[in-house]
Amino acid sequence: MARKKKFGVKTMNKMLQNRAYIGEYLHGDIVVEGGMPALVDEETFEKVQRKFAENKR
């Protein structure tokens, strides 16, 4: 059943910072790089992270 609710800015921010999109799998304290298929290349992901850092100031 689909939710009929729009997601907000906080949800979008969380998605854009989720390293799973570059293929990292996190289980407890263990990080497995390439542990899942990457949906975004690492260069694009890092570019977004730099923008977050710039906007934080």
PDB file of N, CA and C in Angstrom:
ATOM      1  N   MET A   1       0.844  -1.179   0.000  1.00  0.00           N
ATOM      2  CA  MET A   1       0.000   0.000   0.000  1.00  0.00           C
ATOM      3  C   MET A   1       0.890   1.243   0.000  1.00  0.00           C
ATOM      4  N   ALA A   2       0.691   2.110  -0.939  1.00  0.00           N
ATOM      5  CA  ALA A   2       1.496   3.325  -1.067  1.00  0.00           C
ATOM      6  C   ALA A   2       1.051   4.376  -0.067  1.00  0.00           C
ATOM      7  N   ARG A   3       2.021   5.109   0.441  1.00  0.00           N
ATOM      8  CA  ARG A   3       1.693   6.228   1.327  1.00  0.00           C
ATOM      9  C   ARG A   3       1.268   7.402   0.469  1.00  0.00           C
ATOM     10  N   LYS A   4       0.276   8.102   0.883  1.00  0.00           N
ATOM     11  CA  LYS A   4      -0.226   9.257   0.132  1.00  0.00           C
ATOM     12  C   LYS A   4       0.373  10.547   0.675  1.00  0.00           C
ATOM     13  N   LYS A   5       1.527  10.431   1.301  1.00  0.00           N
ATOM     14  CA  LYS A   5       2.133  11.559   1.969  1.00  0.00           C
ATOM     15  C   LYS A   5       3.374  12.014   1.206  1.00  0.00           C
ATOM     16  N   LYS A   6       3.519  13.313   0.979  1.00  0.00           N
ATOM     17  CA  LYS A   6       4.714  13.843   0.333  1.00  0.00           C
ATOM     18  C   LYS A   6       5.865  13.826   1.332  1.00  0.00           C
ATOM     19  N   PHE A   7       7.084  13.622   0.821  1.00  0.00           N
ATOM     20  CA  PHE A   7       8.210  13.698   1.740  1.00  0.00           C
ATOM     21  C   PHE A   7       8.775  15.105   1.715  1.00  0.00           C
ATOM     22  N   GLY A   8       9.407  15.463   2.822  1.00  0.00           N
ATOM     23  CA  GLY A   8       9.868  16.833   3.001  1.00  0.00           C
ATOM     24  C   GLY A   8      11.361  17.004   2.813  1.00  0.00           C
ATOM     25  N   VAL A   9      11.828  18.172   3.186  1.00  0.00           N
ATOM     26  CA  VAL A   9      13.234  18.546   3.028  1.00  0.00           C
ATOM     27  C   VAL A   9      14.139  17.629   3.844  1.00  0.00           C
ATOM     28  N   LYS A  10      13.748  17.302   5.061  1.00  0.00           N
ATOM     29  CA  LYS A  10      14.588  16.445   5.913  1.00  0.00           C
ATOM     30  C   LYS A  10      14.784  15.076   5.275  1.00  0.00           C
ATOM     31  N   THR A  11      13.729  14.539   4.695  1.00  0.00           N
ATOM     32  CA  THR A  11      13.829  13.234   4.042  1.00  0.00           C
ATOM     33  C   THR A  11      14.757  13.310   2.840  1.00  0.00           C
ATOM     34  N   MET A  12      14.634  14.362   2.053  1.00  0.00           N
ATOM     35  CA  MET A  12      15.496  14.537   0.882  1.00  0.00           C
ATOM     36  C   MET A  12      16.950  14.690   1.312  1.00  0.00           C
ATOM     37  N   ASN A  13      17.218  15.472   2.344  1.00  0.00           N
ATOM     38  CA  ASN A  13      18.587  15.627   2.850  1.00  0.00           C
ATOM     39  C   ASN A  13      19.165  14.289   3.287  1.00  0.00           C
ATOM     40  N   LYS A  14      18.373  13.516   3.984  1.00  0.00           N
ATOM     41  CA  LYS A  14      18.831  12.208   4.461  1.00  0.00           C
ATOM     42  C   LYS A  14      19.162  11.291   3.276  1.00  0.00           C
ATOM     43  N   MET A  15      18.320  11.329   2.254  1.00  0.00           N
ATOM     44  CA  MET A  15      18.567  10.516   1.063  1.00  0.00           C
ATOM     45  C   MET A  15      19.856  10.933   0.365  1.00  0.00           C
ATOM     46  N   LEU A  16      20.074  12.238   0.238  1.00  0.00           N
ATOM     47  CA  LEU A  16      21.247  12.740  -0.471  1.00  0.00           C
ATOM     48  C   LEU A  16      22.551  12.477   0.276  1.00  0.00           C
ATOM     49  N   GLN A  17      22.461  12.189   1.571  1.00  0.00           N
ATOM     50  CA  GLN A  17      23.661  11.916   2.363  1.00  0.00           C
ATOM     51  C   GLN A  17      23.853  10.425   2.654  1.00  0.00           C
ATOM     52  N   ASN A  18      22.957   9.599   2.142  1.00  0.00           N
ATOM     53  CA  ASN A  18      23.003   8.166   2.403  1.00  0.00           C
ATOM     54  C   ASN A  18      24.058   7.502   1.509  1.00  0.00           C
ATOM     55  N   ARG A  19      25.091   6.980   2.134  1.00  0.00           N
ATOM     56  CA  ARG A  19      26.212   6.381   1.397  1.00  0.00           C
ATOM     57  C   ARG A  19      25.833   5.061   0.733  1.00  0.00           C
ATOM     58  N   ALA A  20      24.681   4.530   1.044  1.00  0.00           N
ATOM     59  CA  ALA A  20      24.221   3.308   0.378  1.00  0.00           C
ATOM     60  C   ALA A  20      24.053   3.553  -1.119  1.00  0.00           C
ATOM     61  N   TYR A  21      23.761   4.792  -1.512  1.00  0.00           N
ATOM     62  CA  TYR A  21      23.572   5.111  -2.924  1.00  0.00           C
ATOM     63  C   TYR A  21      24.855   4.992  -3.734  1.00  0.00           C
ATOM     64  N   ILE A  22      26.012   4.980  -3.053  1.00  0.00           N
ATOM     65  CA  ILE A  22      27.281   4.758  -3.761  1.00  0.00           C
ATOM     66  C   ILE A  22      27.781   3.329  -3.538  1.00  0.00           C
ATOM     67  N   GLY A  23      26.919   2.480  -3.018  1.00  0.00           N
ATOM     68  CA  GLY A  23      27.231   1.058  -2.899  1.00  0.00           C
ATOM     69  C   GLY A  23      27.775   0.606  -1.564  1.00  0.00           C
ATOM     70  N   GLU A  24      27.812   1.494  -0.577  1.00  0.00           N
ATOM     71  CA  GLU A  24      28.309   1.082   0.744  1.00  0.00           C
ATOM     72  C   GLU A  24      27.205   0.402   1.531  1.00  0.00           C
ATOM     73  N   TYR A  25      27.551  -0.737   2.107  1.00  0.00           N
ATOM     74  CA  TYR A  25      26.624  -1.474   2.957  1.00  0.00           C
ATOM     75  C   TYR A  25      27.113  -1.341   4.387  1.00  0.00           C
ATOM     76  N   LEU A  26      26.256  -0.906   5.276  1.00  0.00           N
ATOM     77  CA  LEU A  26      26.617  -0.710   6.682  1.00  0.00           C
ATOM     78  C   LEU A  26      25.852  -1.700   7.536  1.00  0.00           C
ATOM     79  N   HIS A  27      26.587  -2.476   8.323  1.00  0.00           N
ATOM     80  CA  HIS A  27      25.974  -3.428   9.252  1.00  0.00           C
ATOM     81  C   HIS A  27      26.656  -3.245  10.596  1.00  0.00           C
ATOM     82  N   GLY A  28      25.980  -2.555  11.505  1.00  0.00           N
ATOM     83  CA  GLY A  28      26.588  -2.236  12.790  1.00  0.00           C
ATOM     84  C   GLY A  28      27.768  -1.315  12.576  1.00  0.00           C
ATOM     85  N   ASP A  29      28.953  -1.757  12.990  1.00  0.00           N
ATOM     86  CA  ASP A  29      30.168  -0.966  12.814  1.00  0.00           C
ATOM     87  C   ASP A  29      30.944  -1.360  11.560  1.00  0.00           C
ATOM     88  N   ILE A  30      30.438  -2.320  10.820  1.00  0.00           N
ATOM     89  CA  ILE A  30      31.144  -2.822   9.646  1.00  0.00           C
ATOM     90  C   ILE A  30      30.622  -2.133   8.390  1.00  0.00           C
ATOM     91  N   VAL A  31      31.557  -1.558   7.617  1.00  0.00           N
ATOM     92  CA  VAL A  31      31.220  -0.911   6.344  1.00  0.00           C
ATOM     93  C   VAL A  31      31.802  -1.774   5.229  1.00  0.00           C
ATOM     94  N   VAL A  32      30.947  -2.187   4.303  1.00  0.00           N
ATOM     95  CA  VAL A  32      31.387  -2.989   3.177  1.00  0.00           C
ATOM     96  C   VAL A  32      31.233  -2.148   1.911  1.00  0.00           C
ATOM     97  N   GLU A  33      32.368  -1.682   1.375  1.00  0.00           N
ATOM     98  CA  GLU A  33      32.319  -0.911   0.131  1.00  0.00           C
ATOM     99  C   GLU A  33      32.010  -1.870  -1.012  1.00  0.00           C
ATOM    100  N   GLY A  34      31.098  -1.477  -1.866  1.00  0.00           N
ATOM    101  CA  GLY A  34      30.694  -2.349  -2.967  1.00  0.00           C
ATOM    102  C   GLY A  34      29.793  -3.479  -2.508  1.00  0.00           C
ATOM    103  N   GLY A  35      29.225  -3.343  -1.314  1.00  0.00           N
ATOM    104  CA  GLY A  35      28.368  -4.380  -0.748  1.00  0.00           C
ATOM    105  C   GLY A  35      26.964  -4.399  -1.332  1.00  0.00           C
ATOM    106  N   MET A  36      26.664  -3.427  -2.166  1.00  0.00           N
ATOM    107  CA  MET A  36      25.370  -3.364  -2.854  1.00  0.00           C
ATOM    108  C   MET A  36      25.572  -2.553  -4.134  1.00  0.00           C
ATOM    109  N   PRO A  37      24.663  -2.676  -5.070  1.00  0.00           N
ATOM    110  CA  PRO A  37      24.825  -1.914  -6.321  1.00  0.00           C
ATOM    111  C   PRO A  37      24.764  -0.404  -6.080  1.00  0.00           C
ATOM    112  N   ALA A  38      25.674   0.323  -6.699  1.00  0.00           N
ATOM    113  CA  ALA A  38      25.693   1.783  -6.579  1.00  0.00           C
ATOM    114  C   ALA A  38      24.661   2.376  -7.534  1.00  0.00           C
ATOM    115  N   LEU A  39      23.885   3.325  -7.036  1.00  0.00           N
ATOM    116  CA  LEU A  39      22.900   4.015  -7.860  1.00  0.00           C
ATOM    117  C   LEU A  39      23.424   5.355  -8.359  1.00  0.00           C
ATOM    118  N   VAL A  40      24.463   5.870  -7.668  1.00  0.00           N
ATOM    119  CA  VAL A  40      25.067   7.164  -8.000  1.00  0.00           C
ATOM    120  C   VAL A  40      26.583   6.977  -8.004  1.00  0.00           C
ATOM    121  N   ASP A  41      27.261   7.596  -8.964  1.00  0.00           N
ATOM    122  CA  ASP A  41      28.716   7.478  -8.968  1.00  0.00           C
ATOM    123  C   ASP A  41      29.290   8.320  -7.817  1.00  0.00           C
ATOM    124  N   GLU A  42      30.467   7.923  -7.357  1.00  0.00           N
ATOM    125  CA  GLU A  42      31.070   8.548  -6.175  1.00  0.00           C
ATOM    126  C   GLU A  42      31.386  10.030  -6.400  1.00  0.00           C
ATOM    127  N   GLU A  43      31.767  10.400  -7.612  1.00  0.00           N
ATOM    128  CA  GLU A  43      32.086  11.794  -7.915  1.00  0.00           C
ATOM    129  C   GLU A  43      30.859  12.691  -7.700  1.00  0.00           C
ATOM    130  N   THR A  44      29.715  12.264  -8.186  1.00  0.00           N
ATOM    131  CA  THR A  44      28.474  13.031  -8.017  1.00  0.00           C
ATOM    132  C   THR A  44      28.094  13.110  -6.546  1.00  0.00           C
ATOM    133  N   PHE A  45      28.227  11.989  -5.844  1.00  0.00           N
ATOM    134  CA  PHE A  45      27.904  11.951  -4.421  1.00  0.00           C
ATOM    135  C   PHE A  45      28.769  12.941  -3.650  1.00  0.00           C
ATOM    136  N   GLU A  46      30.069  12.953  -3.935  1.00  0.00           N
ATOM    137  CA  GLU A  46      30.992  13.856  -3.240  1.00  0.00           C
ATOM    138  C   GLU A  46      30.705  15.320  -3.576  1.00  0.00           C
ATOM    139  N   LYS A  47      30.297  15.578  -4.800  1.00  0.00           N
ATOM    140  CA  LYS A  47      29.934  16.933  -5.211  1.00  0.00           C
ATOM    141  C   LYS A  47      28.758  17.441  -4.369  1.00  0.00           C
ATOM    142  N   VAL A  48      27.780  16.578  -4.153  1.00  0.00           N
ATOM    143  CA  VAL A  48      26.616  16.936  -3.330  1.00  0.00           C
ATOM    144  C   VAL A  48      27.044  17.174  -1.884  1.00  0.00           C
ATOM    145  N   GLN A  49      27.960  16.346  -1.379  1.00  0.00           N
ATOM    146  CA  GLN A  49      28.421  16.505   0.004  1.00  0.00           C
ATOM    147  C   GLN A  49      29.157  17.836   0.186  1.00  0.00           C
ATOM    148  N   ARG A  50      29.931  18.239  -0.822  1.00  0.00           N
ATOM    149  CA  ARG A  50      30.617  19.540  -0.758  1.00  0.00           C
ATOM    150  C   ARG A  50      29.610  20.680  -0.728  1.00  0.00           C
ATOM    151  N   LYS A  51      28.533  20.544  -1.503  1.00  0.00           N
ATOM    152  CA  LYS A  51      27.477  21.584  -1.506  1.00  0.00           C
ATOM    153  C   LYS A  51      26.826  21.667  -0.129  1.00  0.00           C
ATOM    154  N   PHE A  52      26.580  20.522   0.497  1.00  0.00           N
ATOM    155  CA  PHE A  52      26.026  20.536   1.856  1.00  0.00           C
ATOM    156  C   PHE A  52      26.968  21.271   2.804  1.00  0.00           C
ATOM    157  N   ALA A  53      28.268  21.006   2.684  1.00  0.00           N
ATOM    158  CA  ALA A  53      29.254  21.649   3.557  1.00  0.00           C
ATOM    159  C   ALA A  53      29.274  23.161   3.322  1.00  0.00           C
ATOM    160  N   GLU A  54      29.215  23.576   2.061  1.00  0.00           N
ATOM    161  CA  GLU A  54      29.201  25.019   1.743  1.00  0.00           C
ATOM    162  C   GLU A  54      27.954  25.678   2.306  1.00  0.00           C
ATOM    163  N   ASN A  55      26.817  25.040   2.161  1.00  0.00           N
ATOM    164  CA  ASN A  55      25.551  25.612   2.621  1.00  0.00           C
ATOM    165  C   ASN A  55      25.413  25.611   4.135  1.00  0.00           C
ATOM    166  N   LYS A  56      26.205  24.790   4.804  1.00  0.00           N
ATOM    167  CA  LYS A  56      26.133  24.710   6.263  1.00  0.00           C
ATOM    168  C   LYS A  56      26.704  25.971   6.914  1.00  0.00           C
ATOM    169  N   ARG A  57      27.663  26.595   6.234  1.00  0.00           N
ATOM    170  CA  ARG A  57      28.309  27.797   6.770  1.00  0.00           C
ATOM    171  C   ARG A  57      27.402  28.971   6.786  1.00  0.00           C
TER     172      ARG A  57
END
